[in-house]
Amino acid sequence: QIQLKESGGGLAQAGGDLKLSCVASGPSWSSYAMGWFRQTPGKEREFVASVSWRGDSTYYSDSVRGRFTISRGDARNTILMEMNNLKPEDTAIYYCAAERWYDGNTRRASDYNYWGQGTQVTVSS
């Protein structure tokens, strides 16, 4: 079992930037692809972005493509997500997740085996 811990959420103005980080720990973390989902009250968890276990493939939802960038950090048990040109509709709790069967090429929350506890991102207009 691996553990995931997010950090970096907070408050930004529309058009601003934030960076999220997620650190994985536990056995075999390096074989997991990782991603970010977000959720607002009353809605299902929504795929945002994912990165393969090697870090050579990335996937994005249409709503964030061109504004968010996901990557593996220099410490490969870390993933980063740069969020630029933030919009009020980006406001949500952001969750880090890990899976080992699709190498990041899946947007279904049910395909991800491990989850962090989430970090709040709030974008004011």
Foldseek 3Di string as FASTA:
>chain_A
DKAKAKDWADEAAQQAKTKMKIAIDDPPLLLKKKAKWWDDPPDDIWGAKIAFSVFPDIDGDPVQPPFKDWGQDPPNRMIMIMGGRDDQVVWTWMKMFIARDPRRPDTDPVRTDYIHPTDTHGYHD
